[in-house]
């Protein structure tokens, strides 16, 4: 008996490949070790350099928000000369003793007018005065300036003179040389963050440039076959790379210098080349996506090949797939691909490292107590962060959860803050008083909070309310609301009931 082997058909091979791919995708690897957020932060900070980077010299126009790398000492006096603080007349204070409205003292005027930027030519002698403008150099012999309002112009022998109706003390209305900043004085110390005030001080000392801590350069990479750069055409099944823009902006806010490397497909060789280029060019690398254990998740594999993974898996929601590593002494963070997860883990783990390397002080957390009016379910075993919107309540603010999920791009931008649910809790009960960590600058409690799906009717209403100068009174607001809703076609009547409004006046 002879055996015959028939070649497999192309259809058979294709079906087998599909089955193999399905099996690989379903056979999910496990995280290295899921640790608490505190343990993850400890491991990361213990293994990365948190000292400020070396200094670089920048012009004052580029120094805003930067941190001084060294002490600054004044090389000149500020002001550099005795300067008049008012418009008036420079004279000798001893000559004004006893001057009053009833018994004015007369002074002959010298033949010059001292204006800003010009040195005086004549000395002030007994019984004489020199006209001087605010900021003018006080002439030799004068020790005070009398305000022009306290004098009267008169003629004496065909020459101008003044009657002084107020006595002045020595030094009155004069800023002496070095009275603001003395030559050799320590003007600003290293580690000072430069605001407009400090920049003004540096400029007053004549400095056109200053040495500041160099901003850490942070490479920004995104991963995923589905990603398209903003501005390009969007084929079916693809999404725009919002994480790259979000993270780059967050890096700049934290004091770093983002270096965009773009989005990479799920190709191990291409992503590894991008990683190596980023590590060679920058002080730190931040990726988003590809850190889970599903099919196509390559980032953590490449990181483990290039360096040491410190953390892969954190007991957080959102943010469990976070991967933290050090490659060649440089910090590497692989953030989850979902936008809310990415930005949460960035601010919790990456931003503090960027601030430290930029010489900035740790950002102070701001929080308030708020009432939670609804029950929020949670997953046991993971600390959960819940984004909330705040509205004013009777006793304290009320925090409404934003339930769009970690895949929503708008969740973080629309939130006023977030609250934490302990890893051992199954839920946060309705009526609980909770501490809310604020995000950014919360300007105040809103007058109107809208919850629910998108509503065309409310777009019309909110547009009308926004056009009002300031907050309209309740009667006007209600009238706008009724008029706008009544103008919506009957076909949209279901839209009128799809939202819950919480109004506070």
Protein backbone atom coordinates (compact mmCIF):
# COMPACT_ATOMS: atom_id res chain seq x y z
CA UNK A 1 0.00 0.00 0.00
CA UNK A 2 1.38 3.29 -0.98
CA UNK A 3 0.70 6.58 0.75
CA UNK A 4 -0.20 9.67 -1.18
CA UNK A 5 0.41 13.16 0.17
CA UNK A 6 -1.78 15.84 -1.30
CA UNK A 7 -0.57 19.48 -1.04
CA UNK A 8 -2.72 21.62 1.23
CA UNK A 9 -4.83 24.22 -0.46
CA UNK A 10 -4.18 27.96 -0.06
CA UNK A 11 -7.56 28.27 1.65
CA UNK A 12 -6.54 25.63 4.17
CA UNK A 13 -3.25 27.45 4.95
CA UNK A 14 -5.06 30.78 5.38
CA UNK A 15 -7.59 29.26 7.78
CA UNK A 16 -4.78 27.64 9.79
CA UNK A 17 -2.96 30.97 10.05
CA UNK A 18 -6.10 32.65 11.32
CA UNK A 19 -6.63 29.95 13.95
CA UNK A 20 -3.01 30.24 15.07
CA UNK A 21 -3.34 34.03 15.39
CA UNK A 22 -6.54 33.62 17.42
CA UNK A 23 -4.82 31.16 19.78
CA UNK A 24 -1.85 33.52 20.25
CA UNK A 25 -4.14 36.46 21.01
CA UNK A 26 -6.22 34.44 23.47
CA UNK A 27 -3.13 33.09 25.26
CA UNK A 28 -2.39 36.36 27.09
CA UNK A 29 0.88 36.58 28.97
CA UNK A 30 0.85 37.71 32.58
CA UNK A 31 2.41 40.86 33.99
CA UNK A 32 5.78 40.49 35.63
CA UNK A 33 4.38 41.46 39.04
CA UNK A 34 1.47 43.71 39.88
CA UNK A 35 2.61 46.05 42.67
CA UNK A 36 0.99 48.91 44.55
CA UNK A 37 1.31 52.47 43.33
CA UNK A 38 3.53 53.31 46.31
CA UNK A 39 5.88 50.41 45.59
CA UNK A 40 6.04 51.33 41.89
CA UNK A 41 6.91 54.92 42.72
CA UNK A 42 9.58 53.82 45.22
CA UNK A 43 11.24 51.48 42.74
CA UNK A 44 11.26 54.09 39.99
CA UNK A 45 12.62 57.00 42.05
CA UNK A 46 15.22 54.78 43.72
CA UNK A 47 16.71 53.80 40.37
CA UNK A 48 16.67 57.11 38.46
CA UNK A 49 18.75 60.25 38.89
CA UNK A 50 16.53 62.98 40.35
CA UNK A 51 19.19 65.68 40.59
CA UNK A 52 18.84 68.84 38.46
CA UNK A 53 20.55 68.72 35.08
CA UNK A 54 23.62 70.91 34.39
CA UNK A 55 23.09 74.58 33.58
CA UNK A 56 22.80 76.32 30.24
CA UNK A 57 22.82 80.01 29.37
CA UNK A 58 19.64 81.49 27.93
CA UNK A 59 18.50 85.02 27.18
CA UNK A 60 16.10 86.70 29.58
CA UNK A 61 13.31 86.38 27.05
CA UNK A 62 13.61 82.59 27.31
CA UNK A 63 14.15 82.43 31.08
CA UNK A 64 10.53 82.65 32.27
CA UNK A 65 9.64 79.60 34.34
CA UNK A 66 13.19 78.29 34.36
CA UNK A 67 15.26 77.54 37.46
CA UNK A 68 18.54 79.29 38.26
CA UNK A 69 21.54 76.98 38.08
CA UNK A 70 23.82 79.28 40.13
CA UNK A 71 23.70 82.29 42.43
CA UNK A 72 23.45 85.73 40.83
CA UNK A 73 25.43 88.65 42.31
CA UNK A 74 24.88 92.27 41.32
CA UNK A 75 27.79 93.83 39.45
CA UNK A 76 26.35 97.36 39.71
CA UNK A 77 24.37 99.49 42.12
CA UNK A 78 20.62 99.75 41.44
CA UNK A 79 19.88 102.54 40.96
CA UNK A 80 23.39 103.37 39.71
CA UNK A 81 23.10 107.02 40.84
CA UNK A 82 21.13 109.20 43.27
CA UNK A 83 17.76 109.55 41.54
CA UNK A 84 14.79 111.91 41.95
CA UNK A 85 11.51 110.20 42.76
CA UNK A 86 9.25 113.13 41.79
CA UNK A 87 9.08 116.08 39.43
CA UNK A 88 10.33 119.14 41.28
CA UNK A 89 13.47 120.96 42.31
CA UNK A 90 16.74 119.62 43.72
CA UNK A 91 18.05 121.76 46.59
CA UNK A 92 19.69 121.77 50.00
CA UNK A 93 17.23 120.65 52.70
CA UNK A 94 18.80 122.98 55.28
CA UNK A 95 17.70 125.96 53.20
CA UNK A 96 13.99 124.96 53.50
CA UNK A 97 13.81 124.95 57.31
CA UNK A 98 10.74 126.91 58.45
CA UNK A 99 9.17 127.15 54.98
CA UNK A 100 5.37 127.36 55.00
CA UNK A 101 2.48 128.90 53.08
CA UNK A 102 2.74 131.99 55.28
CA UNK A 103 6.53 132.19 55.14
CA UNK A 104 7.86 130.62 51.92
CA UNK A 105 11.58 130.35 51.20
CA UNK A 106 12.85 131.75 47.88
CA UNK A 107 15.37 129.91 45.68
CA UNK A 108 17.09 131.08 42.51
CA UNK A 109 16.87 128.54 39.67
CA UNK A 110 20.04 127.28 38.05
CA UNK A 111 20.21 127.52 34.30
CA UNK A 112 19.55 123.86 33.48
CA UNK A 113 16.75 121.33 33.54
CA UNK A 114 17.78 117.80 34.51
CA UNK A 115 15.88 115.15 32.56
CA UNK A 116 16.29 111.37 32.49
CA UNK A 117 19.40 110.14 30.78
CA UNK A 118 21.41 113.36 31.11
CA UNK A 119 24.05 114.14 33.74
CA UNK A 120 23.77 117.51 35.56
CA UNK A 121 26.36 120.17 34.75
CA UNK A 122 25.82 122.67 37.58
CA UNK A 123 26.29 122.28 41.35
CA UNK A 124 23.49 123.28 43.71
CA UNK A 125 24.69 125.94 46.14
CA UNK A 126 23.08 127.72 49.08
CA UNK A 127 19.82 129.42 48.10
CA UNK A 128 19.75 127.81 44.66
CA UNK A 129 17.69 124.97 43.14
CA UNK A 130 17.74 123.01 39.90
CA UNK A 131 14.64 121.88 38.02
CA UNK A 132 14.60 118.08 37.88
CA UNK A 133 12.32 115.41 36.38
CA UNK A 134 11.38 112.09 37.96
CA UNK A 135 14.30 109.69 37.45
CA UNK A 136 16.82 112.48 36.89
CA UNK A 137 20.31 112.44 38.41
CA UNK A 138 20.41 114.49 41.63
CA UNK A 139 23.08 117.19 41.13
CA UNK A 140 26.06 117.67 43.38
CA UNK A 141 25.29 119.81 46.44
CA UNK A 142 21.59 118.84 46.62
CA UNK A 143 20.35 116.42 49.27
CA UNK A 144 16.57 116.60 48.74
CA UNK A 145 13.90 117.24 46.14
CA UNK A 146 10.83 119.39 46.75
CA UNK A 147 7.68 118.53 44.80
CA UNK A 148 6.63 121.04 42.17
CA UNK A 149 3.18 121.18 43.80
CA UNK A 150 4.73 122.76 46.90
CA UNK A 151 6.33 125.66 45.01
CA UNK A 152 5.32 128.79 43.15
CA UNK A 153 7.21 130.17 40.15
CA UNK A 154 8.19 133.84 40.55
CA UNK A 155 10.47 136.36 38.85
CA UNK A 156 13.45 137.84 40.68
CA UNK A 157 15.39 140.54 38.85
CA UNK A 158 14.21 139.25 35.51
CA UNK A 159 15.32 135.69 36.31
CA UNK A 160 13.08 132.74 37.26
CA UNK A 161 12.92 131.75 40.91
CA UNK A 162 10.64 129.66 43.15
CA UNK A 163 8.97 130.12 46.50
CA UNK A 164 9.07 126.87 48.48
CA UNK A 165 6.04 126.42 50.78
CA UNK A 166 7.06 123.11 52.43
CA UNK A 167 10.20 122.20 54.33
CA UNK A 168 11.90 118.97 53.20
CA UNK A 169 14.09 116.54 55.12
CA UNK A 170 17.50 115.31 53.99
CA UNK A 171 17.03 112.52 51.41
CA UNK A 172 13.36 113.32 50.81
CA UNK A 173 12.13 112.09 47.39
CA UNK A 174 15.58 110.70 46.52
CA UNK A 175 16.55 107.08 45.86
CA UNK A 176 20.23 106.82 46.62
CA UNK A 177 22.63 104.76 44.52
CA UNK A 178 22.47 101.11 45.60
CA UNK A 179 19.42 101.64 47.82
CA UNK A 180 17.52 98.96 45.85
CA UNK A 181 20.34 96.57 45.03
CA UNK A 182 23.93 97.16 46.17
CA UNK A 183 26.94 96.15 44.09
CA UNK A 184 28.15 92.73 45.27
CA UNK A 185 24.77 91.86 46.81
CA UNK A 186 23.32 88.39 46.29
CA UNK A 187 20.34 89.13 44.07
CA UNK A 188 18.93 85.63 43.48
CA UNK A 189 20.00 82.23 44.72
CA UNK A 190 20.28 79.01 42.75
CA UNK A 191 17.14 76.88 42.56
CA UNK A 192 15.00 80.03 42.31
CA UNK A 193 12.17 79.67 39.81
CA UNK A 194 12.12 82.71 37.56
CA UNK A 195 8.88 84.66 37.27
CA UNK A 196 8.41 88.09 35.73
CA UNK A 197 9.54 89.67 39.02
CA UNK A 198 12.89 87.89 39.11
CA UNK A 199 13.48 88.57 35.43
CA UNK A 200 12.92 92.27 36.16
CA UNK A 201 15.59 92.14 38.87
CA UNK A 202 18.06 90.48 36.50
CA UNK A 203 17.38 93.07 33.82
CA UNK A 204 17.87 95.90 36.35
CA UNK A 205 21.33 94.47 37.06
CA UNK A 206 22.15 94.66 33.36
CA UNK A 207 22.05 90.93 32.67
CA UNK A 208 20.95 89.99 29.15
CA UNK A 209 21.35 86.25 29.80
CA UNK A 210 21.34 83.94 32.79
CA UNK A 211 22.43 80.39 33.60
CA UNK A 212 19.46 78.11 34.24
CA UNK A 213 18.97 74.38 34.75
CA UNK A 214 18.69 72.67 31.40
CA UNK A 215 15.25 71.30 30.62
CA UNK A 216 15.24 67.50 30.34
CA UNK A 217 14.56 66.40 26.79
CA UNK A 218 11.83 63.76 26.71
CA UNK A 219 11.23 61.61 23.65
CA UNK A 220 7.54 61.01 22.91
CA UNK A 221 6.60 57.86 20.99
CA UNK A 222 3.22 56.32 20.29
CA UNK A 223 2.64 52.75 19.16
CA UNK A 224 -0.13 51.01 17.27
CA UNK A 225 -1.09 50.05 13.72
CA UNK A 226 -4.29 52.05 14.18
CA UNK A 227 -2.61 55.42 14.74
CA UNK A 228 -2.69 58.25 12.20
CA UNK A 229 -0.96 61.61 12.64
CA UNK A 230 -3.44 64.48 13.14
CA UNK A 231 -4.17 66.22 9.86
CA UNK A 232 -3.97 63.08 7.75
CA UNK A 233 -6.80 61.12 6.17
CA UNK A 234 -8.50 58.65 8.51
CA UNK A 235 -9.00 55.20 6.95
CA UNK A 236 -11.53 52.73 8.43
CA UNK A 237 -10.44 51.21 11.74
CA UNK A 238 -7.88 53.93 12.41
CA UNK A 239 -7.76 56.73 15.03
CA UNK A 240 -5.76 59.92 15.33
CA UNK A 241 -2.74 59.86 17.64
CA UNK A 242 -4.06 62.07 20.43
CA UNK A 243 -1.73 60.60 23.08
CA UNK A 244 1.35 62.00 21.37
CA UNK A 245 -0.03 65.54 21.54
CA UNK A 246 -1.42 65.17 25.07
CA UNK A 247 1.80 63.77 26.50
CA UNK A 248 4.03 66.28 24.69
CA UNK A 249 1.97 69.15 26.13
CA UNK A 250 2.04 67.58 29.60
CA UNK A 251 5.83 67.26 29.40
CA UNK A 252 6.13 70.97 28.59
CA UNK A 253 3.79 71.80 31.50
CA UNK A 254 5.99 69.74 33.84
CA UNK A 255 9.11 71.67 32.80
CA UNK A 256 10.53 69.32 30.15
CA UNK A 257 11.33 69.70 26.47
CA UNK A 258 9.19 67.27 24.45
CA UNK A 259 10.83 65.71 21.37
CA UNK A 260 8.13 64.09 19.20
CA UNK A 261 9.22 60.90 17.44
CA UNK A 262 5.76 60.16 16.03
CA UNK A 263 3.68 57.00 15.95
CA UNK A 264 5.16 53.58 15.17
CA UNK A 265 3.31 50.54 13.80
CA UNK A 266 3.19 47.26 15.67
CA UNK A 267 6.48 46.18 14.15
CA UNK A 268 9.10 45.07 16.64
CA UNK A 269 12.12 45.99 14.49
CA UNK A 270 10.78 49.46 13.61
CA UNK A 271 9.82 50.22 17.21
CA UNK A 272 13.19 49.05 18.50
CA UNK A 273 14.98 51.34 16.04
CA UNK A 274 12.80 54.22 17.19
CA UNK A 275 13.52 53.42 20.84
CA UNK A 276 17.26 53.30 20.28
CA UNK A 277 17.18 56.63 18.43
CA UNK A 278 15.12 58.20 21.21
CA UNK A 279 17.47 56.94 23.91
CA UNK A 280 20.48 58.28 22.03
CA UNK A 281 18.93 61.74 21.55
CA UNK A 282 17.06 62.41 24.80
CA UNK A 283 17.36 62.31 28.59
CA UNK A 284 14.16 60.32 29.01
CA UNK A 285 11.73 58.31 26.91
CA UNK A 286 7.94 58.12 27.22
CA UNK A 287 5.93 55.68 25.08
CA UNK A 288 2.21 55.17 25.07
CA UNK A 289 0.57 51.91 24.06
CA UNK A 290 1.79 48.37 23.62
CA UNK A 291 2.42 47.82 27.32
CA UNK A 292 -0.39 45.32 27.98
CA UNK A 293 0.00 41.59 27.47
CA UNK A 294 -2.31 41.16 24.50
CA UNK A 295 -1.61 40.48 20.84
CA UNK A 296 0.44 43.21 19.21
CA UNK A 297 1.72 44.66 22.50
CA UNK A 298 5.44 44.98 21.82
CA UNK A 299 6.72 47.88 23.93
CA UNK A 300 7.46 45.96 27.10
CA UNK A 301 9.30 43.26 25.14
CA UNK A 302 11.62 45.79 23.52
CA UNK A 303 12.21 47.55 26.84
CA UNK A 304 13.14 44.26 28.51
CA UNK A 305 15.59 43.61 25.67
CA UNK A 306 17.26 47.03 26.00
CA UNK A 307 17.38 47.48 29.76
CA UNK A 308 15.94 46.67 33.18
CA UNK A 309 12.19 46.70 33.80
CA UNK A 310 11.53 47.94 37.34
CA UNK A 311 7.73 47.73 37.29
CA UNK A 312 5.28 46.13 34.89
CA UNK A 313 1.81 46.12 36.32
CA UNK A 314 0.47 48.48 38.99
CA UNK A 315 -2.64 47.92 41.11
CA UNK A 316 -4.33 51.03 39.74
CA UNK A 317 -7.48 51.73 37.79
CA UNK A 318 -6.93 53.25 35.32
CA UNK A 319 -3.26 52.46 34.70
CA UNK A 320 -2.65 48.78 35.48
CA UNK A 321 -0.40 48.08 32.41
CA UNK A 322 2.12 50.80 33.32
CA UNK A 323 5.73 49.79 32.66
CA UNK A 324 8.67 51.64 34.25
CA UNK A 325 12.28 50.92 33.37
CA UNK A 326 15.83 52.25 33.20
CA UNK A 327 17.89 51.84 30.03
CA UNK A 328 21.48 53.05 30.03
CA UNK A 329 20.79 55.14 33.12
CA UNK A 330 17.84 56.90 31.42
CA UNK A 331 14.27 56.66 32.73
CA UNK A 332 11.77 54.98 30.40
CA UNK A 333 8.01 54.94 30.94
CA UNK A 334 5.60 52.93 28.82
CA UNK A 335 2.16 54.36 29.51
CA UNK A 336 -1.14 52.61 28.78
CA UNK A 337 -2.61 53.39 25.38
CA UNK A 338 -5.99 54.70 26.56
CA UNK A 339 -5.80 58.50 26.94
CA UNK A 340 -7.14 58.82 30.49
CA UNK A 341 -4.93 55.97 31.72
CA UNK A 342 -1.93 57.51 29.97
CA UNK A 343 -2.36 60.98 31.43
CA UNK A 344 -3.13 59.67 34.93
CA UNK A 345 0.00 57.55 35.07
CA UNK A 346 2.07 60.32 33.47
CA UNK A 347 1.17 62.82 36.19
CA UNK A 348 1.57 60.25 38.97
CA UNK A 349 4.93 58.74 37.95
CA UNK A 350 6.62 60.66 35.11
CA UNK A 351 5.91 64.34 35.81
CA UNK A 352 7.67 64.30 39.24
CA UNK A 353 10.85 62.97 37.60
CA UNK A 354 10.74 65.65 34.88
CA UNK A 355 10.24 68.39 37.48
CA UNK A 356 13.15 67.11 39.57
CA UNK A 357 15.49 67.00 36.56
CA UNK A 358 14.39 70.52 35.57
CA UNK A 359 15.22 71.77 39.08
CA UNK A 360 11.60 72.51 39.92
CA UNK A 361 10.13 71.81 43.33
CA UNK A 362 7.56 69.02 43.69
CA UNK A 363 4.10 70.18 42.71
CA UNK A 364 1.93 70.75 45.76
CA UNK A 365 -1.25 68.69 45.69
CA UNK A 366 -4.46 70.66 46.18
CA UNK A 367 -7.60 68.96 47.41
CA UNK A 368 -11.03 69.70 48.85
CA UNK A 369 -13.75 67.71 50.55
CA UNK A 370 -16.86 66.98 48.51
CA UNK A 371 -20.05 64.96 48.82
CA UNK A 372 -20.52 62.06 46.40
CA UNK A 373 -24.26 61.81 45.59
CA UNK A 374 -24.22 58.47 43.74
CA UNK A 375 -22.81 55.02 44.38
CA UNK A 376 -19.58 54.29 42.49
CA UNK A 377 -18.73 50.61 41.99
CA UNK A 378 -15.07 49.62 42.11
CA UNK A 379 -12.87 46.60 41.45
CA UNK A 380 -11.41 44.80 44.46
CA UNK A 381 -7.63 44.65 44.55
CA UNK A 382 -6.90 47.87 42.62
CA UNK A 383 -6.87 51.43 43.89
CA UNK A 384 -9.25 53.28 41.60
CA UNK A 385 -9.10 56.93 40.54
CA UNK A 386 -12.47 58.36 39.54
CA UNK A 387 -12.66 61.59 37.57
CA UNK A 388 -15.32 63.97 38.85
CA UNK A 389 -17.01 67.25 37.97
CA UNK A 390 -17.69 69.62 40.86
CA UNK A 391 -20.81 71.68 41.49
CA UNK A 392 -21.60 73.86 44.50
CA UNK A 393 -23.74 72.22 47.19
CA UNK A 394 -25.48 73.47 50.31
CA UNK A 395 -22.68 72.62 52.76
CA UNK A 396 -19.75 71.70 50.50
CA UNK A 397 -19.06 70.93 46.83
CA UNK A 398 -20.75 67.94 45.22
CA UNK A 399 -18.65 65.57 43.09
CA UNK A 400 -20.34 63.85 40.15
CA UNK A 401 -18.36 60.99 38.54
CA UNK A 402 -17.47 61.28 34.86
CA UNK A 403 -18.20 57.80 33.58
CA UNK A 404 -16.75 57.92 30.09
CA UNK A 405 -14.01 55.39 30.83
CA UNK A 406 -10.25 55.44 30.27
CA UNK A 407 -10.61 55.25 26.50
CA UNK A 408 -12.30 58.65 26.27
CA UNK A 409 -10.13 61.56 25.18
CA UNK A 410 -12.38 64.17 26.82
CA UNK A 411 -12.57 62.63 30.29
CA UNK A 412 -9.49 64.29 31.75
CA UNK A 413 -10.08 67.66 30.08
CA UNK A 414 -13.65 67.89 31.39
CA UNK A 415 -12.83 66.86 34.96
CA UNK A 416 -12.30 69.25 37.87
CA UNK A 417 -10.52 66.60 39.92
CA UNK A 418 -10.46 62.98 40.96
CA UNK A 419 -11.15 60.92 44.04
CA UNK A 420 -9.61 57.63 45.16
CA UNK A 421 -11.36 54.39 46.05
CA UNK A 422 -9.31 52.06 48.22
CA UNK A 423 -8.16 48.76 46.74
CA UNK A 424 -10.05 46.85 49.43
CA UNK A 425 -13.39 48.56 48.75
CA UNK A 426 -16.03 47.22 46.36
CA UNK A 427 -17.70 50.60 46.03
CA UNK A 428 -17.97 54.14 47.30
CA UNK A 429 -21.46 54.52 48.73
CA UNK A 430 -23.80 57.37 47.84
CA UNK A 431 -23.66 60.19 50.38
CA UNK A 432 -19.98 59.58 51.20
CA UNK A 433 -17.81 62.58 51.94
CA UNK A 434 -14.61 62.15 49.94
CA UNK A 435 -11.41 64.11 49.33
CA UNK A 436 -11.08 65.30 45.73
CA UNK A 437 -7.64 66.08 44.31
CA UNK A 438 -8.00 69.09 42.03
CA UNK A 439 -6.72 69.10 38.47
CA UNK A 440 -5.22 72.35 37.20
CA UNK A 441 -6.73 75.68 38.22
CA UNK A 442 -10.37 75.20 39.17
CA UNK A 443 -11.82 78.68 38.66
CA UNK A 444 -14.91 78.10 40.80
CA UNK A 445 -18.03 76.03 41.00
CA UNK A 446 -20.04 76.13 37.74
CA UNK A 447 -23.55 77.50 37.58
CA UNK A 448 -24.70 74.67 35.34
CA UNK A 449 -23.61 71.02 35.21
CA UNK A 450 -24.88 68.81 32.40
CA UNK A 451 -24.73 65.02 32.68
CA UNK A 452 -25.73 62.53 30.05
CA UNK A 453 -25.19 61.88 26.38
CA UNK A 454 -24.59 64.60 23.83
CA UNK A 455 -27.67 66.75 23.35
CA UNK A 456 -28.23 69.08 20.39
CA UNK A 457 -30.83 71.03 22.38
CA UNK A 458 -28.32 71.81 25.09
CA UNK A 459 -25.77 72.98 22.52
CA UNK A 460 -28.29 75.65 21.54
CA UNK A 461 -29.08 76.53 25.16
CA UNK A 462 -25.46 76.72 26.30
CA UNK A 463 -24.55 78.83 23.28
CA UNK A 464 -27.23 81.34 24.20
CA UNK A 465 -26.17 81.39 27.86
CA UNK A 466 -22.49 81.78 26.95
CA UNK A 467 -23.33 84.86 24.86
CA UNK A 468 -24.73 86.59 27.96
CA UNK A 469 -22.31 89.05 29.62
CA UNK A 470 -21.77 87.41 33.00
CA UNK A 471 -24.26 85.01 34.53
CA UNK A 472 -27.89 85.73 33.61
CA UNK A 473 -30.39 85.81 36.48
CA UNK A 474 -32.51 82.64 36.89
CA UNK A 475 -35.59 84.17 35.27
CA UNK A 476 -33.63 85.13 32.16
CA UNK A 477 -31.82 81.79 32.04
CA UNK A 478 -35.09 79.88 32.33
CA UNK A 479 -36.61 82.01 29.60
CA UNK A 480 -33.66 81.26 27.32
CA UNK A 481 -33.98 77.57 28.16
CA UNK A 482 -37.72 77.47 27.31
CA UNK A 483 -37.29 79.47 24.10
CA UNK A 484 -34.39 77.34 22.87
CA UNK A 485 -36.10 74.03 23.62
CA UNK A 486 -39.38 75.13 22.03
CA UNK A 487 -37.47 76.02 18.85
CA UNK A 488 -36.20 72.44 18.43
CA UNK A 489 -38.14 70.40 15.82
CA UNK A 490 -40.57 67.81 17.19
CA UNK A 491 -38.38 65.06 15.74
CA UNK A 492 -35.85 65.92 18.38
CA UNK A 493 -38.28 65.72 21.28
CA UNK A 494 -36.58 62.69 22.77
CA UNK A 495 -33.41 64.75 22.99
CA UNK A 496 -35.14 67.07 25.43
CA UNK A 497 -35.25 64.41 28.14
CA UNK A 498 -31.89 62.74 27.66
CA UNK A 499 -29.97 64.96 30.09
CA UNK A 500 -30.12 65.77 33.79
CA UNK A 501 -29.43 69.40 34.70
CA UNK A 502 -28.17 70.48 38.08
CA UNK A 503 -28.57 74.25 38.34
CA UNK A 504 -27.09 76.35 41.13
CA UNK A 505 -27.57 80.12 41.43
